[in-house]
Structures are given as C-alpha cells and as structure tokens.
C-alpha cells in the first residue's frame, strides 16, 4: 500500500518514527480517556458522553494519537485498547487498562 511505502521511506530518513495504534481514537475522549461509540455524534462532531468535552471529531482523534505517541516518547505507560464488547455505551476508558507490549 502507499501508506506502507510512505512509512518505510520515512523510517529511512529519520530515527524519530513512532508507531502507535489508531484504533478507537475516533471514539476516545482526549480530555478524560472515555471510549464510547456514542461520543461521535456525527462524522464531524465529537462530544464525550462522560465529561461533555466537545471538539471536531478529526481534531480530537489526532490529539488522541499525538498523546499516545508522547506517552511512548516519555516512557509513560500507554493504555490498552478496549475489547470490542466494551465499545458502545460502556464505562471503560483507555485509562483503566494497560497496553500489552
């Protein structure tokens, strides 16, 4: 894929490539870490069902991914992604679980 080709070229150019999973970043609240499919009111609107944080959905997801990368750089524990049965109205948050690896 073109993405994989881009990533390979980027890794050859710099040592600063940090790979983090993007899974559930569109459903995770940047402010409180709560993950819920209902956090996405629409394609463009993110509104956390726990803390009422609102933002453009793409901006929120990009900030979540950036936070995950910073956690790796700062050697902080990166949190687990929820299991599929935990998504959609659950009370699990990314802050409740540990990321394997």
C-alpha atoms as a PDB file:
ATOM      1  CA  UNK A   1       0.000   0.000   0.000  1.00  0.00           C
ATOM      2  CA  UNK A   2       1.016   3.599  -0.426  1.00  0.00           C
ATOM      3  CA  UNK A   3       0.872   4.158   3.336  1.00  0.00           C
ATOM      4  CA  UNK A   4       3.334   1.355   3.963  1.00  0.00           C
ATOM      5  CA  UNK A   5       5.640   2.703   1.267  1.00  0.00           C
ATOM      6  CA  UNK A   6       5.494   6.170   2.839  1.00  0.00           C
ATOM      7  CA  UNK A   7       6.204   4.772   6.328  1.00  0.00           C
ATOM      8  CA  UNK A   8       9.190   2.787   5.039  1.00  0.00           C
ATOM      9  CA  UNK A   9      10.675   5.830   3.305  1.00  0.00           C
ATOM     10  CA  UNK A  10      10.119   7.952   6.384  1.00  0.00           C
ATOM     11  CA  UNK A  11      11.905   5.391   8.575  1.00  0.00           C
ATOM     12  CA  UNK A  12      14.896   5.515   6.232  1.00  0.00           C
ATOM     13  CA  UNK A  13      15.053   9.303   6.564  1.00  0.00           C
ATOM     14  CA  UNK A  14      14.751   9.645  10.338  1.00  0.00           C
ATOM     15  CA  UNK A  15      15.016   7.732  13.598  1.00  0.00           C
ATOM     16  CA  UNK A  16      12.043   9.586  15.011  1.00  0.00           C
ATOM     17  CA  UNK A  17       9.206   7.448  13.663  1.00  0.00           C
ATOM     18  CA  UNK A  18       6.811   6.462  16.424  1.00  0.00           C
ATOM     19  CA  UNK A  19       4.134   3.936  15.536  1.00  0.00           C
ATOM     20  CA  UNK A  20       1.023   3.875  17.685  1.00  0.00           C
ATOM     21  CA  UNK A  21      -2.306   2.161  17.030  1.00  0.00           C
ATOM     22  CA  UNK A  22      -5.056   4.438  15.805  1.00  0.00           C
ATOM     23  CA  UNK A  23      -7.823   2.008  16.846  1.00  0.00           C
ATOM     24  CA  UNK A  24     -10.710   3.659  18.691  1.00  0.00           C
ATOM     25  CA  UNK A  25      -9.031   7.095  18.523  1.00  0.00           C
ATOM     26  CA  UNK A  26     -12.211   8.478  16.941  1.00  0.00           C
ATOM     27  CA  UNK A  27     -14.242   7.274  19.944  1.00  0.00           C
ATOM     28  CA  UNK A  28     -11.783   8.187  22.737  1.00  0.00           C
ATOM     29  CA  UNK A  29     -12.116  11.468  24.596  1.00  0.00           C
ATOM     30  CA  UNK A  30      -8.903  13.491  24.565  1.00  0.00           C
ATOM     31  CA  UNK A  31      -9.756  15.038  27.955  1.00  0.00           C
ATOM     32  CA  UNK A  32     -10.913  12.098  30.102  1.00  0.00           C
ATOM     33  CA  UNK A  33      -9.981   8.979  28.082  1.00  0.00           C
ATOM     34  CA  UNK A  34     -13.532   7.612  27.959  1.00  0.00           C
ATOM     35  CA  UNK A  35     -14.189   5.413  24.917  1.00  0.00           C
ATOM     36  CA  UNK A  36     -17.741   5.143  23.656  1.00  0.00           C
ATOM     37  CA  UNK A  37     -19.165   4.824  20.144  1.00  0.00           C
ATOM     38  CA  UNK A  38     -21.791   7.384  21.207  1.00  0.00           C
ATOM     39  CA  UNK A  39     -19.029  10.002  21.607  1.00  0.00           C
ATOM     40  CA  UNK A  40     -19.261  10.512  17.848  1.00  0.00           C
ATOM     41  CA  UNK A  41     -22.440  12.492  17.320  1.00  0.00           C
ATOM     42  CA  UNK A  42     -21.708  12.666  13.596  1.00  0.00           C
ATOM     43  CA  UNK A  43     -18.826  12.345  11.174  1.00  0.00           C
ATOM     44  CA  UNK A  44     -17.599  15.809  12.224  1.00  0.00           C
ATOM     45  CA  UNK A  45     -18.761  16.248  15.829  1.00  0.00           C
ATOM     46  CA  UNK A  46     -17.157  14.651  18.898  1.00  0.00           C
ATOM     47  CA  UNK A  47     -18.974  15.047  22.224  1.00  0.00           C
ATOM     48  CA  UNK A  48     -17.900  12.944  25.211  1.00  0.00           C
ATOM     49  CA  UNK A  49     -20.760  11.194  26.972  1.00  0.00           C
ATOM     50  CA  UNK A  50     -18.816  11.263  30.258  1.00  0.00           C
ATOM     51  CA  UNK A  51     -17.220  14.714  30.598  1.00  0.00           C
ATOM     52  CA  UNK A  52     -19.084  16.700  27.884  1.00  0.00           C
ATOM     53  CA  UNK A  53     -15.828  17.687  26.112  1.00  0.00           C
ATOM     54  CA  UNK A  54     -16.618  18.703  22.528  1.00  0.00           C
ATOM     55  CA  UNK A  55     -14.373  19.180  19.536  1.00  0.00           C
ATOM     56  CA  UNK A  56     -14.191  18.479  15.826  1.00  0.00           C
ATOM     57  CA  UNK A  57     -14.016  14.678  15.612  1.00  0.00           C
ATOM     58  CA  UNK A  58     -10.888  14.590  13.446  1.00  0.00           C
ATOM     59  CA  UNK A  59      -9.088  17.070  15.704  1.00  0.00           C
ATOM     60  CA  UNK A  60      -9.971  15.049  18.803  1.00  0.00           C
ATOM     61  CA  UNK A  61      -8.751  11.805  17.177  1.00  0.00           C
ATOM     62  CA  UNK A  62      -5.495  13.439  16.036  1.00  0.00           C
ATOM     63  CA  UNK A  63      -4.884  14.715  19.575  1.00  0.00           C
ATOM     64  CA  UNK A  64      -5.537  11.223  20.993  1.00  0.00           C
ATOM     65  CA  UNK A  65      -2.975   9.754  18.586  1.00  0.00           C
ATOM     66  CA  UNK A  66      -0.479  12.506  19.464  1.00  0.00           C
ATOM     67  CA  UNK A  67      -0.998  11.778  23.176  1.00  0.00           C
ATOM     68  CA  UNK A  68      -0.310   8.082  22.554  1.00  0.00           C
ATOM     69  CA  UNK A  69       2.935   8.945  20.751  1.00  0.00           C
ATOM     70  CA  UNK A  70       4.022  11.325  23.531  1.00  0.00           C
ATOM     71  CA  UNK A  71       3.392   8.585  26.081  1.00  0.00           C
ATOM     72  CA  UNK A  72       5.810   6.343  24.182  1.00  0.00           C
ATOM     73  CA  UNK A  73       8.440   9.088  23.944  1.00  0.00           C
ATOM     74  CA  UNK A  74       8.121   9.974  27.619  1.00  0.00           C
ATOM     75  CA  UNK A  75       8.170   6.289  28.658  1.00  0.00           C
ATOM     76  CA  UNK A  76       4.771   6.611  30.239  1.00  0.00           C
ATOM     77  CA  UNK A  77       2.525   3.595  30.182  1.00  0.00           C
ATOM     78  CA  UNK A  78       0.360   3.589  27.090  1.00  0.00           C
ATOM     79  CA  UNK A  79      -3.136   2.388  27.845  1.00  0.00           C
ATOM     80  CA  UNK A  80      -4.928  -0.631  26.488  1.00  0.00           C
ATOM     81  CA  UNK A  81      -7.461  -0.562  23.775  1.00  0.00           C
ATOM     82  CA  UNK A  82     -10.818  -1.919  24.876  1.00  0.00           C
ATOM     83  CA  UNK A  83     -12.156  -5.196  23.658  1.00  0.00           C
ATOM     84  CA  UNK A  84     -14.971  -4.912  21.088  1.00  0.00           C
ATOM     85  CA  UNK A  85     -17.579  -5.934  23.678  1.00  0.00           C
ATOM     86  CA  UNK A  86     -16.541  -2.908  25.757  1.00  0.00           C
ATOM     87  CA  UNK A  87     -17.347  -0.433  22.986  1.00  0.00           C
ATOM     88  CA  UNK A  88     -20.669   1.320  22.715  1.00  0.00           C
ATOM     89  CA  UNK A  89     -22.078   2.778  25.898  1.00  0.00           C
ATOM     90  CA  UNK A  90     -19.557   1.130  28.160  1.00  0.00           C
ATOM     91  CA  UNK A  91     -17.893   2.774  31.111  1.00  0.00           C
ATOM     92  CA  UNK A  92     -14.433   1.519  30.193  1.00  0.00           C
ATOM     93  CA  UNK A  93     -11.827   4.095  29.423  1.00  0.00           C
ATOM     94  CA  UNK A  94      -8.362   3.884  27.991  1.00  0.00           C
ATOM     95  CA  UNK A  95      -7.065   4.922  31.390  1.00  0.00           C
ATOM     96  CA  UNK A  96      -8.459   1.786  33.063  1.00  0.00           C
ATOM     97  CA  UNK A  97      -6.335  -0.784  31.238  1.00  0.00           C
ATOM     98  CA  UNK A  98      -2.698  -1.431  30.358  1.00  0.00           C
ATOM     99  CA  UNK A  99      -1.498  -1.772  26.795  1.00  0.00           C
ATOM    100  CA  UNK A 100       0.376  -5.003  26.144  1.00  0.00           C
ATOM    101  CA  UNK A 101       3.910  -4.667  24.877  1.00  0.00           C
END
